[in-house]
Amino acid sequence: MTEPPAFVYHLARAQEWRTRGDHEYRGSARDRRDGFLHFSTRDQIVESAARHRAGEHDLILICASTAGLGDALRWEPSRGGALFPHLYGVLPLRAVASASPLPVDDEGNHVFPELR
């Protein structure tokens, strides 16, 4: 990877997002079990949602600044060898550029806003 993108994306269940601390989000039980928070790039997030959260309502799309994540953000091979961003540690809320509901259309597809 030549230069990391300015922003990465995480899908959080609304209930889990509501239980975040004042300054940080610790992720889902799966994230904690895996030892990192799963993120995707703008080009990966739609497929990630379809694969791992298909038809799930009540999701929050979190957009985080890669600069605000520092060295805890690592790029590791995953699906098909593509590099995916993994955050080893908590998500500092100061790095969150936006957190918005991710609706589902009548066919069960997530409706994404314009991504940064």
PDB file of N, CA and C in Angstrom:
ATOM      1  N   MET A   1       0.860  -1.170   0.000  1.00  0.00           N
ATOM      2  CA  MET A   1       0.000   0.000   0.000  1.00  0.00           C
ATOM      3  C   MET A   1       0.902   1.227   0.000  1.00  0.00           C
ATOM      4  N   THR A   2       0.645   2.132  -0.906  1.00  0.00           N
ATOM      5  CA  THR A   2       1.489   3.311  -1.014  1.00  0.00           C
ATOM      6  C   THR A   2       1.197   4.315   0.098  1.00  0.00           C
ATOM      7  N   GLU A   3      -0.007   4.761   0.172  1.00  0.00           N
ATOM      8  CA  GLU A   3      -0.395   5.708   1.213  1.00  0.00           C
ATOM      9  C   GLU A   3      -1.777   5.314   1.718  1.00  0.00           C
ATOM     10  N   PRO A   4      -1.955   5.210   3.019  1.00  0.00           N
ATOM     11  CA  PRO A   4      -3.268   4.797   3.531  1.00  0.00           C
ATOM     12  C   PRO A   4      -4.320   5.871   3.242  1.00  0.00           C
ATOM     13  N   PRO A   5      -5.569   5.446   3.121  1.00  0.00           N
ATOM     14  CA  PRO A   5      -6.641   6.424   2.910  1.00  0.00           C
ATOM     15  C   PRO A   5      -6.815   7.296   4.163  1.00  0.00           C
ATOM     16  N   ALA A   6      -7.439   8.422   3.987  1.00  0.00           N
ATOM     17  CA  ALA A   6      -7.652   9.347   5.110  1.00  0.00           C
ATOM     18  C   ALA A   6      -8.677   8.819   6.104  1.00  0.00           C
ATOM     19  N   PHE A   7      -9.605   7.966   5.625  1.00  0.00           N
ATOM     20  CA  PHE A   7     -10.679   7.466   6.483  1.00  0.00           C
ATOM     21  C   PHE A   7     -10.873   5.966   6.295  1.00  0.00           C
ATOM     22  N   VAL A   8     -11.298   5.308   7.358  1.00  0.00           N
ATOM     23  CA  VAL A   8     -11.689   3.903   7.327  1.00  0.00           C
ATOM     24  C   VAL A   8     -13.043   3.776   8.019  1.00  0.00           C
ATOM     25  N   TYR A   9     -13.714   2.632   7.793  1.00  0.00           N
ATOM     26  CA  TYR A   9     -15.094   2.450   8.232  1.00  0.00           C
ATOM     27  C   TYR A   9     -15.262   1.197   9.087  1.00  0.00           C
ATOM     28  N   HIS A  10     -16.143   1.319  10.048  1.00  0.00           N
ATOM     29  CA  HIS A  10     -16.465   0.210  10.954  1.00  0.00           C
ATOM     30  C   HIS A  10     -17.980   0.137  11.065  1.00  0.00           C
ATOM     31  N   LEU A  11     -18.512  -1.088  11.101  1.00  0.00           N
ATOM     32  CA  LEU A  11     -19.944  -1.293  11.306  1.00  0.00           C
ATOM     33  C   LEU A  11     -20.174  -1.716  12.750  1.00  0.00           C
ATOM     34  N   ALA A  12     -20.930  -0.925  13.464  1.00  0.00           N
ATOM     35  CA  ALA A  12     -21.245  -1.233  14.859  1.00  0.00           C
ATOM     36  C   ALA A  12     -22.742  -1.445  14.996  1.00  0.00           C
ATOM     37  N   ARG A  13     -23.113  -2.371  15.828  1.00  0.00           N
ATOM     38  CA  ARG A  13     -24.529  -2.509  16.170  1.00  0.00           C
ATOM     39  C   ARG A  13     -24.885  -1.323  17.066  1.00  0.00           C
ATOM     40  N   ALA A  14     -26.054  -0.760  16.843  1.00  0.00           N
ATOM     41  CA  ALA A  14     -26.453   0.453  17.566  1.00  0.00           C
ATOM     42  C   ALA A  14     -26.384   0.258  19.078  1.00  0.00           C
ATOM     43  N   GLN A  15     -26.809  -0.884  19.578  1.00  0.00           N
ATOM     44  CA  GLN A  15     -26.777  -1.133  21.012  1.00  0.00           C
ATOM     45  C   GLN A  15     -25.343  -1.094  21.542  1.00  0.00           C
ATOM     46  N   GLU A  16     -24.422  -1.684  20.809  1.00  0.00           N
ATOM     47  CA  GLU A  16     -23.017  -1.671  21.236  1.00  0.00           C
ATOM     48  C   GLU A  16     -22.440  -0.253  21.179  1.00  0.00           C
ATOM     49  N   TRP A  17     -22.805   0.494  20.158  1.00  0.00           N
ATOM     50  CA  TRP A  17     -22.323   1.870  20.018  1.00  0.00           C
ATOM     51  C   TRP A  17     -22.851   2.731  21.166  1.00  0.00           C
ATOM     52  N   ARG A  18     -24.096   2.496  21.561  1.00  0.00           N
ATOM     53  CA  ARG A  18     -24.687   3.282  22.662  1.00  0.00           C
ATOM     54  C   ARG A  18     -23.979   3.019  23.993  1.00  0.00           C
ATOM     55  N   THR A  19     -23.327   1.883  24.132  1.00  0.00           N
ATOM     56  CA  THR A  19     -22.671   1.562  25.403  1.00  0.00           C
ATOM     57  C   THR A  19     -21.198   1.979  25.434  1.00  0.00           C
ATOM     58  N   ARG A  20     -20.761   2.754  24.438  1.00  0.00           N
ATOM     59  CA  ARG A  20     -19.370   3.214  24.413  1.00  0.00           C
ATOM     60  C   ARG A  20     -19.100   4.119  25.612  1.00  0.00           C
ATOM     61  N   GLY A  21     -17.845   4.290  25.915  1.00  0.00           N
ATOM     62  CA  GLY A  21     -17.455   5.188  26.989  1.00  0.00           C
ATOM     63  C   GLY A  21     -17.478   6.636  26.527  1.00  0.00           C
ATOM     64  N   ASP A  22     -17.083   7.514  27.410  1.00  0.00           N
ATOM     65  CA  ASP A  22     -17.043   8.942  27.080  1.00  0.00           C
ATOM     66  C   ASP A  22     -15.956   9.272  26.061  1.00  0.00           C
ATOM     67  N   HIS A  23     -14.913   8.461  26.017  1.00  0.00           N
ATOM     68  CA  HIS A  23     -13.773   8.784  25.165  1.00  0.00           C
ATOM     69  C   HIS A  23     -13.368   7.673  24.208  1.00  0.00           C
ATOM     70  N   GLU A  24     -14.022   6.499  24.309  1.00  0.00           N
ATOM     71  CA  GLU A  24     -13.578   5.380  23.488  1.00  0.00           C
ATOM     72  C   GLU A  24     -14.697   4.381  23.243  1.00  0.00           C
ATOM     73  N   TYR A  25     -14.501   3.609  22.197  1.00  0.00           N
ATOM     74  CA  TYR A  25     -15.403   2.506  21.845  1.00  0.00           C
ATOM     75  C   TYR A  25     -14.543   1.255  21.782  1.00  0.00           C
ATOM     76  N   ARG A  26     -14.987   0.197  22.446  1.00  0.00           N
ATOM     77  CA  ARG A  26     -14.191  -1.033  22.541  1.00  0.00           C
ATOM     78  C   ARG A  26     -14.571  -2.094  21.513  1.00  0.00           C
ATOM     79  N   GLY A  27     -15.595  -1.851  20.713  1.00  0.00           N
ATOM     80  CA  GLY A  27     -15.975  -2.807  19.688  1.00  0.00           C
ATOM     81  C   GLY A  27     -16.951  -3.854  20.186  1.00  0.00           C
ATOM     82  N   SER A  28     -17.250  -4.772  19.300  1.00  0.00           N
ATOM     83  CA  SER A  28     -18.201  -5.848  19.593  1.00  0.00           C
ATOM     84  C   SER A  28     -17.494  -6.982  20.332  1.00  0.00           C
ATOM     85  N   ALA A  29     -18.273  -7.935  20.781  1.00  0.00           N
ATOM     86  CA  ALA A  29     -17.692  -9.127  21.418  1.00  0.00           C
ATOM     87  C   ALA A  29     -16.767  -9.839  20.430  1.00  0.00           C
ATOM     88  N   ARG A  30     -17.135  -9.886  19.157  1.00  0.00           N
ATOM     89  CA  ARG A  30     -16.276 -10.514  18.141  1.00  0.00           C
ATOM     90  C   ARG A  30     -14.959  -9.754  18.002  1.00  0.00           C
ATOM     91  N   ASP A  31     -15.048  -8.425  17.948  1.00  0.00           N
ATOM     92  CA  ASP A  31     -13.814  -7.631  17.860  1.00  0.00           C
ATOM     93  C   ASP A  31     -12.898  -7.938  19.036  1.00  0.00           C
ATOM     94  N   ARG A  32     -13.462  -7.947  20.223  1.00  0.00           N
ATOM     95  CA  ARG A  32     -12.649  -8.203  21.413  1.00  0.00           C
ATOM     96  C   ARG A  32     -12.067  -9.616  21.386  1.00  0.00           C
ATOM     97  N   ARG A  33     -12.853 -10.582  20.922  1.00  0.00           N
ATOM     98  CA  ARG A  33     -12.358 -11.959  20.808  1.00  0.00           C
ATOM     99  C   ARG A  33     -11.219 -12.056  19.804  1.00  0.00           C
ATOM    100  N   ASP A  34     -11.343 -11.339  18.680  1.00  0.00           N
ATOM    101  CA  ASP A  34     -10.308 -11.365  17.639  1.00  0.00           C
ATOM    102  C   ASP A  34      -9.074 -10.546  18.031  1.00  0.00           C
ATOM    103  N   GLY A  35      -9.220  -9.663  19.002  1.00  0.00           N
ATOM    104  CA  GLY A  35      -8.095  -8.857  19.465  1.00  0.00           C
ATOM    105  C   GLY A  35      -7.919  -7.544  18.729  1.00  0.00           C
ATOM    106  N   PHE A  36      -8.863  -7.202  17.843  1.00  0.00           N
ATOM    107  CA  PHE A  36      -8.801  -5.942  17.105  1.00  0.00           C
ATOM    108  C   PHE A  36     -10.187  -5.579  16.602  1.00  0.00           C
ATOM    109  N   LEU A  37     -10.393  -4.296  16.305  1.00  0.00           N
ATOM    110  CA  LEU A  37     -11.634  -3.838  15.692  1.00  0.00           C
ATOM    111  C   LEU A  37     -11.491  -3.970  14.186  1.00  0.00           C
ATOM    112  N   HIS A  38     -12.495  -4.540  13.558  1.00  0.00           N
ATOM    113  CA  HIS A  38     -12.510  -4.739  12.114  1.00  0.00           C
ATOM    114  C   HIS A  38     -12.932  -3.444  11.418  1.00  0.00           C
ATOM    115  N   PHE A  39     -12.103  -2.986  10.518  1.00  0.00           N
ATOM    116  CA  PHE A  39     -12.410  -1.815   9.707  1.00  0.00           C
ATOM    117  C   PHE A  39     -12.322  -2.206   8.238  1.00  0.00           C
ATOM    118  N   SER A  40     -12.843  -1.341   7.378  1.00  0.00           N
ATOM    119  CA  SER A  40     -12.762  -1.504   5.927  1.00  0.00           C
ATOM    120  C   SER A  40     -12.487  -0.148   5.309  1.00  0.00           C
ATOM    121  N   THR A  41     -11.962  -0.163   4.106  1.00  0.00           N
ATOM    122  CA  THR A  41     -11.790   1.078   3.355  1.00  0.00           C
ATOM    123  C   THR A  41     -13.109   1.416   2.668  1.00  0.00           C
ATOM    124  N   ARG A  42     -13.130   2.570   2.043  1.00  0.00           N
ATOM    125  CA  ARG A  42     -14.310   2.993   1.283  1.00  0.00           C
ATOM    126  C   ARG A  42     -14.645   1.969   0.200  1.00  0.00           C
ATOM    127  N   ASP A  43     -13.623   1.380  -0.411  1.00  0.00           N
ATOM    128  CA  ASP A  43     -13.851   0.413  -1.482  1.00  0.00           C
ATOM    129  C   ASP A  43     -14.241  -0.971  -0.969  1.00  0.00           C
ATOM    130  N   GLN A  44     -14.060  -1.228   0.313  1.00  0.00           N
ATOM    131  CA  GLN A  44     -14.332  -2.549   0.894  1.00  0.00           C
ATOM    132  C   GLN A  44     -15.616  -2.616   1.719  1.00  0.00           C
ATOM    133  N   ILE A  45     -16.095  -1.492   2.226  1.00  0.00           N
ATOM    134  CA  ILE A  45     -17.143  -1.518   3.246  1.00  0.00           C
ATOM    135  C   ILE A  45     -18.475  -2.068   2.741  1.00  0.00           C
ATOM    136  N   VAL A  46     -18.842  -1.794   1.517  1.00  0.00           N
ATOM    137  CA  VAL A  46     -20.135  -2.291   1.007  1.00  0.00           C
ATOM    138  C   VAL A  46     -20.118  -3.815   0.958  1.00  0.00           C
ATOM    139  N   GLU A  47     -19.036  -4.402   0.444  1.00  0.00           N
ATOM    140  CA  GLU A  47     -18.936  -5.857   0.407  1.00  0.00           C
ATOM    141  C   GLU A  47     -18.844  -6.447   1.814  1.00  0.00           C
ATOM    142  N   SER A  48     -18.129  -5.774   2.698  1.00  0.00           N
ATOM    143  CA  SER A  48     -18.035  -6.249   4.088  1.00  0.00           C
ATOM    144  C   SER A  48     -19.413  -6.299   4.738  1.00  0.00           C
ATOM    145  N   ALA A  49     -20.208  -5.268   4.513  1.00  0.00           N
ATOM    146  CA  ALA A  49     -21.560  -5.241   5.074  1.00  0.00           C
ATOM    147  C   ALA A  49     -22.406  -6.379   4.509  1.00  0.00           C
ATOM    148  N   ALA A  50     -22.310  -6.601   3.204  1.00  0.00           N
ATOM    149  CA  ALA A  50     -23.089  -7.670   2.566  1.00  0.00           C
ATOM    150  C   ALA A  50     -22.661  -9.053   3.067  1.00  0.00           C
ATOM    151  N   ARG A  51     -21.381  -9.244   3.293  1.00  0.00           N
ATOM    152  CA  ARG A  51     -20.871 -10.549   3.738  1.00  0.00           C
ATOM    153  C   ARG A  51     -21.135 -10.832   5.210  1.00  0.00           C
ATOM    154  N   HIS A  52     -20.943  -9.806   6.044  1.00  0.00           N
ATOM    155  CA  HIS A  52     -20.946 -10.038   7.487  1.00  0.00           C
ATOM    156  C   HIS A  52     -22.157  -9.482   8.223  1.00  0.00           C
ATOM    157  N   ARG A  53     -22.909  -8.584   7.594  1.00  0.00           N
ATOM    158  CA  ARG A  53     -24.057  -7.969   8.279  1.00  0.00           C
ATOM    159  C   ARG A  53     -25.280  -7.893   7.369  1.00  0.00           C
ATOM    160  N   ALA A  54     -25.382  -8.838   6.430  1.00  0.00           N
ATOM    161  CA  ALA A  54     -26.467  -8.825   5.444  1.00  0.00           C
ATOM    162  C   ALA A  54     -27.835  -8.723   6.121  1.00  0.00           C
ATOM    163  N   GLY A  55     -28.609  -7.740   5.692  1.00  0.00           N
ATOM    164  CA  GLY A  55     -29.975  -7.570   6.172  1.00  0.00           C
ATOM    165  C   GLY A  55     -30.090  -7.071   7.603  1.00  0.00           C
ATOM    166  N   GLU A  56     -28.976  -6.865   8.281  1.00  0.00           N
ATOM    167  CA  GLU A  56     -29.028  -6.412   9.681  1.00  0.00           C
ATOM    168  C   GLU A  56     -29.487  -4.969   9.749  1.00  0.00           C
ATOM    169  N   HIS A  57     -30.494  -4.776  10.566  1.00  0.00           N
ATOM    170  CA  HIS A  57     -30.990  -3.424  10.821  1.00  0.00           C
ATOM    171  C   HIS A  57     -30.255  -2.886  12.042  1.00  0.00           C
ATOM    172  N   ASP A  58     -30.409  -1.623  12.296  1.00  0.00           N
ATOM    173  CA  ASP A  58     -29.890  -1.010  13.521  1.00  0.00           C
ATOM    174  C   ASP A  58     -28.366  -0.999  13.580  1.00  0.00           C
ATOM    175  N   LEU A  59     -27.738  -0.776  12.408  1.00  0.00           N
ATOM    176  CA  LEU A  59     -26.284  -0.638  12.364  1.00  0.00           C
ATOM    177  C   LEU A  59     -25.894   0.835  12.321  1.00  0.00           C
ATOM    178  N   ILE A  60     -24.720   1.112  12.841  1.00  0.00           N
ATOM    179  CA  ILE A  60     -24.142   2.450  12.780  1.00  0.00           C
ATOM    180  C   ILE A  60     -22.877   2.355  11.916  1.00  0.00           C
ATOM    181  N   LEU A  61     -22.778   3.222  10.926  1.00  0.00           N
ATOM    182  CA  LEU A  61     -21.587   3.304  10.089  1.00  0.00           C
ATOM    183  C   LEU A  61     -20.664   4.344  10.712  1.00  0.00           C
ATOM    184  N   ILE A  62     -19.518   3.874  11.168  1.00  0.00           N
ATOM    185  CA  ILE A  62     -18.546   4.759  11.802  1.00  0.00           C
ATOM    186  C   ILE A  62     -17.433   5.044  10.800  1.00  0.00           C
ATOM    187  N   CYS A  63     -17.160   6.310  10.608  1.00  0.00           N
ATOM    188  CA  CYS A  63     -16.069   6.763   9.757  1.00  0.00           C
ATOM    189  C   CYS A  63     -15.000   7.341  10.679  1.00  0.00           C
ATOM    190  N   ALA A  64     -13.790   6.799  10.608  1.00  0.00           N
ATOM    191  CA  ALA A  64     -12.713   7.243  11.484  1.00  0.00           C
ATOM    192  C   ALA A  64     -11.522   7.728  10.667  1.00  0.00           C
ATOM    193  N   SER A  65     -10.862   8.725  11.182  1.00  0.00           N
ATOM    194  CA  SER A  65      -9.665   9.273  10.564  1.00  0.00           C
ATOM    195  C   SER A  65      -8.487   8.342  10.834  1.00  0.00           C
ATOM    196  N   THR A  66      -7.803   7.928   9.784  1.00  0.00           N
ATOM    197  CA  THR A  66      -6.644   7.054   9.981  1.00  0.00           C
ATOM    198  C   THR A  66      -5.536   7.792  10.745  1.00  0.00           C
ATOM    199  N   ALA A  67      -5.413   9.084  10.547  1.00  0.00           N
ATOM    200  CA  ALA A  67      -4.393   9.849  11.271  1.00  0.00           C
ATOM    201  C   ALA A  67      -4.660   9.814  12.774  1.00  0.00           C
ATOM    202  N   GLY A  68      -5.928   9.791  13.155  1.00  0.00           N
ATOM    203  CA  GLY A  68      -6.288   9.772  14.562  1.00  0.00           C
ATOM    204  C   GLY A  68      -6.136   8.410  15.221  1.00  0.00           C
ATOM    205  N   LEU A  69      -5.864   7.377  14.422  1.00  0.00           N
ATOM    206  CA  LEU A  69      -5.737   6.022  14.970  1.00  0.00           C
ATOM    207  C   LEU A  69      -4.287   5.636  15.236  1.00  0.00           C
ATOM    208  N   GLY A  70      -3.380   6.333  14.601  1.00  0.00           N
ATOM    209  CA  GLY A  70      -1.961   6.124  14.867  1.00  0.00           C
ATOM    210  C   GLY A  70      -1.463   4.725  14.548  1.00  0.00           C
ATOM    211  N   ASP A  71      -0.447   4.301  15.301  1.00  0.00           N
ATOM    212  CA  ASP A  71       0.212   3.018  15.069  1.00  0.00           C
ATOM    213  C   ASP A  71      -0.641   1.813  15.442  1.00  0.00           C
ATOM    214  N   ALA A  72      -1.750   2.042  16.140  1.00  0.00           N
ATOM    215  CA  ALA A  72      -2.639   0.928  16.506  1.00  0.00           C
ATOM    216  C   ALA A  72      -3.378   0.385  15.285  1.00  0.00           C
ATOM    217  N   LEU A  73      -3.409   1.166  14.187  1.00  0.00           N
ATOM    218  CA  LEU A  73      -4.050   0.732  12.948  1.00  0.00           C
ATOM    219  C   LEU A  73      -3.027  -0.016  12.108  1.00  0.00           C
ATOM    220  N   ARG A  74      -3.340  -1.267  11.810  1.00  0.00           N
ATOM    221  CA  ARG A  74      -2.436  -2.100  11.006  1.00  0.00           C
ATOM    222  C   ARG A  74      -3.184  -2.611   9.781  1.00  0.00           C
ATOM    223  N   TRP A  75      -2.457  -2.761   8.696  1.00  0.00           N
ATOM    224  CA  TRP A  75      -3.024  -3.240   7.437  1.00  0.00           C
ATOM    225  C   TRP A  75      -2.600  -4.691   7.271  1.00  0.00           C
ATOM    226  N   GLU A  76      -3.605  -5.590   7.244  1.00  0.00           N
ATOM    227  CA  GLU A  76      -3.310  -7.022   7.201  1.00  0.00           C
ATOM    228  C   GLU A  76      -4.113  -7.701   6.108  1.00  0.00           C
ATOM    229  N   PRO A  77      -3.519  -8.728   5.489  1.00  0.00           N
ATOM    230  CA  PRO A  77      -4.238  -9.443   4.428  1.00  0.00           C
ATOM    231  C   PRO A  77      -5.452 -10.174   4.981  1.00  0.00           C
ATOM    232  N   SER A  78      -6.508 -10.126   4.211  1.00  0.00           N
ATOM    233  CA  SER A  78      -7.742 -10.828   4.578  1.00  0.00           C
ATOM    234  C   SER A  78      -8.364 -11.350   3.291  1.00  0.00           C
ATOM    235  N   ARG A  79      -9.617 -11.092   3.089  1.00  0.00           N
ATOM    236  CA  ARG A  79     -10.375 -11.582   1.944  1.00  0.00           C
ATOM    237  C   ARG A  79      -9.591 -11.475   0.637  1.00  0.00           C
ATOM    238  N   GLY A  80      -9.246 -12.615   0.064  1.00  0.00           N
ATOM    239  CA  GLY A  80      -8.557 -12.639  -1.219  1.00  0.00           C
ATOM    240  C   GLY A  80      -7.183 -12.003  -1.197  1.00  0.00           C
ATOM    241  N   GLY A  81      -6.589 -11.874  -0.022  1.00  0.00           N
ATOM    242  CA  GLY A  81      -5.271 -11.269   0.084  1.00  0.00           C
ATOM    243  C   GLY A  81      -5.277  -9.755   0.155  1.00  0.00           C
ATOM    244  N   ALA A  82      -6.465  -9.139   0.046  1.00  0.00           N
ATOM    245  CA  ALA A  82      -6.545  -7.678   0.131  1.00  0.00           C
ATOM    246  C   ALA A  82      -6.174  -7.217   1.533  1.00  0.00           C
ATOM    247  N   LEU A  83      -5.538  -6.056   1.620  1.00  0.00           N
ATOM    248  CA  LEU A  83      -5.178  -5.502   2.922  1.00  0.00           C
ATOM    249  C   LEU A  83      -6.377  -4.806   3.547  1.00  0.00           C
ATOM    250  N   PHE A  84      -6.667  -5.197   4.787  1.00  0.00           N
ATOM    251  CA  PHE A  84      -7.767  -4.594   5.529  1.00  0.00           C
ATOM    252  C   PHE A  84      -7.211  -3.900   6.761  1.00  0.00           C
ATOM    253  N   PRO A  85      -7.825  -2.779   7.149  1.00  0.00           N
ATOM    254  CA  PRO A  85      -7.387  -2.078   8.351  1.00  0.00           C
ATOM    255  C   PRO A  85      -7.953  -2.745   9.607  1.00  0.00           C
ATOM    256  N   HIS A  86      -7.075  -3.037  10.543  1.00  0.00           N
ATOM    257  CA  HIS A  86      -7.451  -3.619  11.833  1.00  0.00           C
ATOM    258  C   HIS A  86      -6.907  -2.700  12.917  1.00  0.00           C
ATOM    259  N   LEU A  87      -7.752  -2.352  13.868  1.00  0.00           N
ATOM    260  CA  LEU A  87      -7.338  -1.460  14.953  1.00  0.00           C
ATOM    261  C   LEU A  87      -7.073  -2.283  16.204  1.00  0.00           C
ATOM    262  N   TYR A  88      -5.824  -2.349  16.591  1.00  0.00           N
ATOM    263  CA  TYR A  88      -5.408  -3.087  17.784  1.00  0.00           C
ATOM    264  C   TYR A  88      -5.460  -2.137  18.976  1.00  0.00           C
ATOM    265  N   GLY A  89      -6.589  -2.111  19.610  1.00  0.00           N
ATOM    266  CA  GLY A  89      -6.834  -1.217  20.732  1.00  0.00           C
ATOM    267  C   GLY A  89      -8.232  -0.657  20.619  1.00  0.00           C
ATOM    268  N   VAL A  90      -8.536   0.292  21.466  1.00  0.00           N
ATOM    269  CA  VAL A  90      -9.854   0.904  21.459  1.00  0.00           C
ATOM    270  C   VAL A  90      -9.909   1.998  20.402  1.00  0.00           C
ATOM    271  N   LEU A  91     -11.107   2.319  19.979  1.00  0.00           N
ATOM    272  CA  LEU A  91     -11.315   3.410  19.034  1.00  0.00           C
ATOM    273  C   LEU A  91     -11.486   4.699  19.831  1.00  0.00           C
ATOM    274  N   PRO A  92     -10.528   5.613  19.743  1.00  0.00           N
ATOM    275  CA  PRO A  92     -10.690   6.880  20.454  1.00  0.00           C
ATOM    276  C   PRO A  92     -11.768   7.717  19.748  1.00  0.00           C
ATOM    277  N   LEU A  93     -12.725   8.207  20.495  1.00  0.00           N
ATOM    278  CA  LEU A  93     -13.829   8.936  19.877  1.00  0.00           C
ATOM    279  C   LEU A  93     -13.364  10.206  19.185  1.00  0.00           C
ATOM    280  N   ARG A  94     -12.220  10.736  19.576  1.00  0.00           N
ATOM    281  CA  ARG A  94     -11.694  11.939  18.906  1.00  0.00           C
ATOM    282  C   ARG A  94     -11.325  11.639  17.442  1.00  0.00           C
ATOM    283  N   ALA A  95     -11.125  10.360  17.093  1.00  0.00           N
ATOM    284  CA  ALA A  95     -10.786   9.984  15.719  1.00  0.00           C
ATOM    285  C   ALA A  95     -12.024   9.756  14.853  1.00  0.00           C
ATOM    286  N   VAL A  96     -13.211   9.743  15.466  1.00  0.00           N
ATOM    287  CA  VAL A  96     -14.452   9.479  14.728  1.00  0.00           C
ATOM    288  C   VAL A  96     -14.891  10.745  13.999  1.00  0.00           C
ATOM    289  N   ALA A  97     -14.915  10.670  12.681  1.00  0.00           N
ATOM    290  CA  ALA A  97     -15.351  11.793  11.855  1.00  0.00           C
ATOM    291  C   ALA A  97     -16.875  11.838  11.757  1.00  0.00           C
ATOM    292  N   SER A  98     -17.504  10.659  11.760  1.00  0.00           N
ATOM    293  CA  SER A  98     -18.971  10.591  11.730  1.00  0.00           C
ATOM    294  C   SER A  98     -19.414   9.208  12.194  1.00  0.00           C
ATOM    295  N   ALA A  99     -20.634   9.179  12.697  1.00  0.00           N
ATOM    296  CA  ALA A  99     -21.282   7.923  13.099  1.00  0.00           C
ATOM    297  C   ALA A  99     -22.759   8.106  12.786  1.00  0.00           C
ATOM    298  N   SER A 100     -23.238   7.354  11.792  1.00  0.00           N
ATOM    299  CA  SER A 100     -24.614   7.557  11.351  1.00  0.00           C
ATOM    300  C   SER A 100     -25.315   6.225  11.116  1.00  0.00           C
ATOM    301  N   PRO A 101     -26.639   6.210  11.298  1.00  0.00           N
ATOM    302  CA  PRO A 101     -27.400   4.980  11.053  1.00  0.00           C
ATOM    303  C   PRO A 101     -27.219   4.514   9.610  1.00  0.00           C
ATOM    304  N   LEU A 102     -27.213   3.198   9.434  1.00  0.00           N
ATOM    305  CA  LEU A 102     -27.075   2.601   8.108  1.00  0.00           C
ATOM    306  C   LEU A 102     -28.373   1.865   7.791  1.00  0.00           C
ATOM    307  N   PRO A 103     -29.276   2.518   7.061  1.00  0.00           N
ATOM    308  CA  PRO A 103     -30.579   1.901   6.791  1.00  0.00           C
ATOM    309  C   PRO A 103     -30.478   0.723   5.822  1.00  0.00           C
ATOM    310  N   VAL A 104     -31.557  -0.053   5.791  1.00  0.00           N
ATOM    311  CA  VAL A 104     -31.688  -1.211   4.908  1.00  0.00           C
ATOM    312  C   VAL A 104     -32.886  -0.956   4.002  1.00  0.00           C
ATOM    313  N   ASP A 105     -32.710  -1.216   2.701  1.00  0.00           N
ATOM    314  CA  ASP A 105     -33.820  -1.004   1.765  1.00  0.00           C
ATOM    315  C   ASP A 105     -34.764  -2.208   1.757  1.00  0.00           C
ATOM    316  N   ASP A 106     -35.784  -2.158   0.924  1.00  0.00           N
ATOM    317  CA  ASP A 106     -36.802  -3.211   0.867  1.00  0.00           C
ATOM    318  C   ASP A 106     -36.249  -4.562   0.442  1.00  0.00           C
ATOM    319  N   GLU A 107     -35.121  -4.574  -0.258  1.00  0.00           N
ATOM    320  CA  GLU A 107     -34.495  -5.826  -0.679  1.00  0.00           C
ATOM    321  C   GLU A 107     -33.496  -6.349   0.348  1.00  0.00           C
ATOM    322  N   GLY A 108     -33.327  -5.633   1.455  1.00  0.00           N
ATOM    323  CA  GLY A 108     -32.408  -6.071   2.498  1.00  0.00           C
ATOM    324  C   GLY A 108     -30.978  -5.600   2.316  1.00  0.00           C
ATOM    325  N   ASN A 109     -30.766  -4.669   1.371  1.00  0.00           N
ATOM    326  CA  ASN A 109     -29.420  -4.124   1.137  1.00  0.00           C
ATOM    327  C   ASN A 109     -29.214  -2.862   1.968  1.00  0.00           C
ATOM    328  N   HIS A 110     -28.020  -2.701   2.490  1.00  0.00           N
ATOM    329  CA  HIS A 110     -27.723  -1.486   3.226  1.00  0.00           C
ATOM    330  C   HIS A 110     -27.614  -0.314   2.257  1.00  0.00           C
ATOM    331  N   VAL A 111     -28.115   0.830   2.687  1.00  0.00           N
ATOM    332  CA  VAL A 111     -28.098   2.031   1.879  1.00  0.00           C
ATOM    333  C   VAL A 111     -27.011   2.945   2.448  1.00  0.00           C
ATOM    334  N   PHE A 112     -25.911   3.027   1.726  1.00  0.00           N
ATOM    335  CA  PHE A 112     -24.763   3.800   2.189  1.00  0.00           C
ATOM    336  C   PHE A 112     -24.861   5.249   1.779  1.00  0.00           C
ATOM    337  N   PRO A 113     -24.412   6.128   2.652  1.00  0.00           N
ATOM    338  CA  PRO A 113     -24.298   7.531   2.267  1.00  0.00           C
ATOM    339  C   PRO A 113     -23.088   7.683   1.348  1.00  0.00           C
ATOM    340  N   GLU A 114     -22.873   8.875   0.850  1.00  0.00           N
ATOM    341  CA  GLU A 114     -21.639   9.125   0.106  1.00  0.00           C
ATOM    342  C   GLU A 114     -20.475   8.960   1.074  1.00  0.00           C
ATOM    343  N   LEU A 115     -19.501   8.191   0.668  1.00  0.00           N
ATOM    344  CA  LEU A 115     -18.362   7.898   1.540  1.00  0.00           C
ATOM    345  C   LEU A 115     -17.205   8.826   1.234  1.00  0.00           C
ATOM    346  N   ARG A 116     -16.432   9.121   2.249  1.00  0.00           N
ATOM    347  CA  ARG A 116     -15.278  10.031   2.095  1.00  0.00           C
ATOM    348  C   ARG A 116     -14.125   9.320   1.438  1.00  0.00           C
TER     349      ARG A 116
END
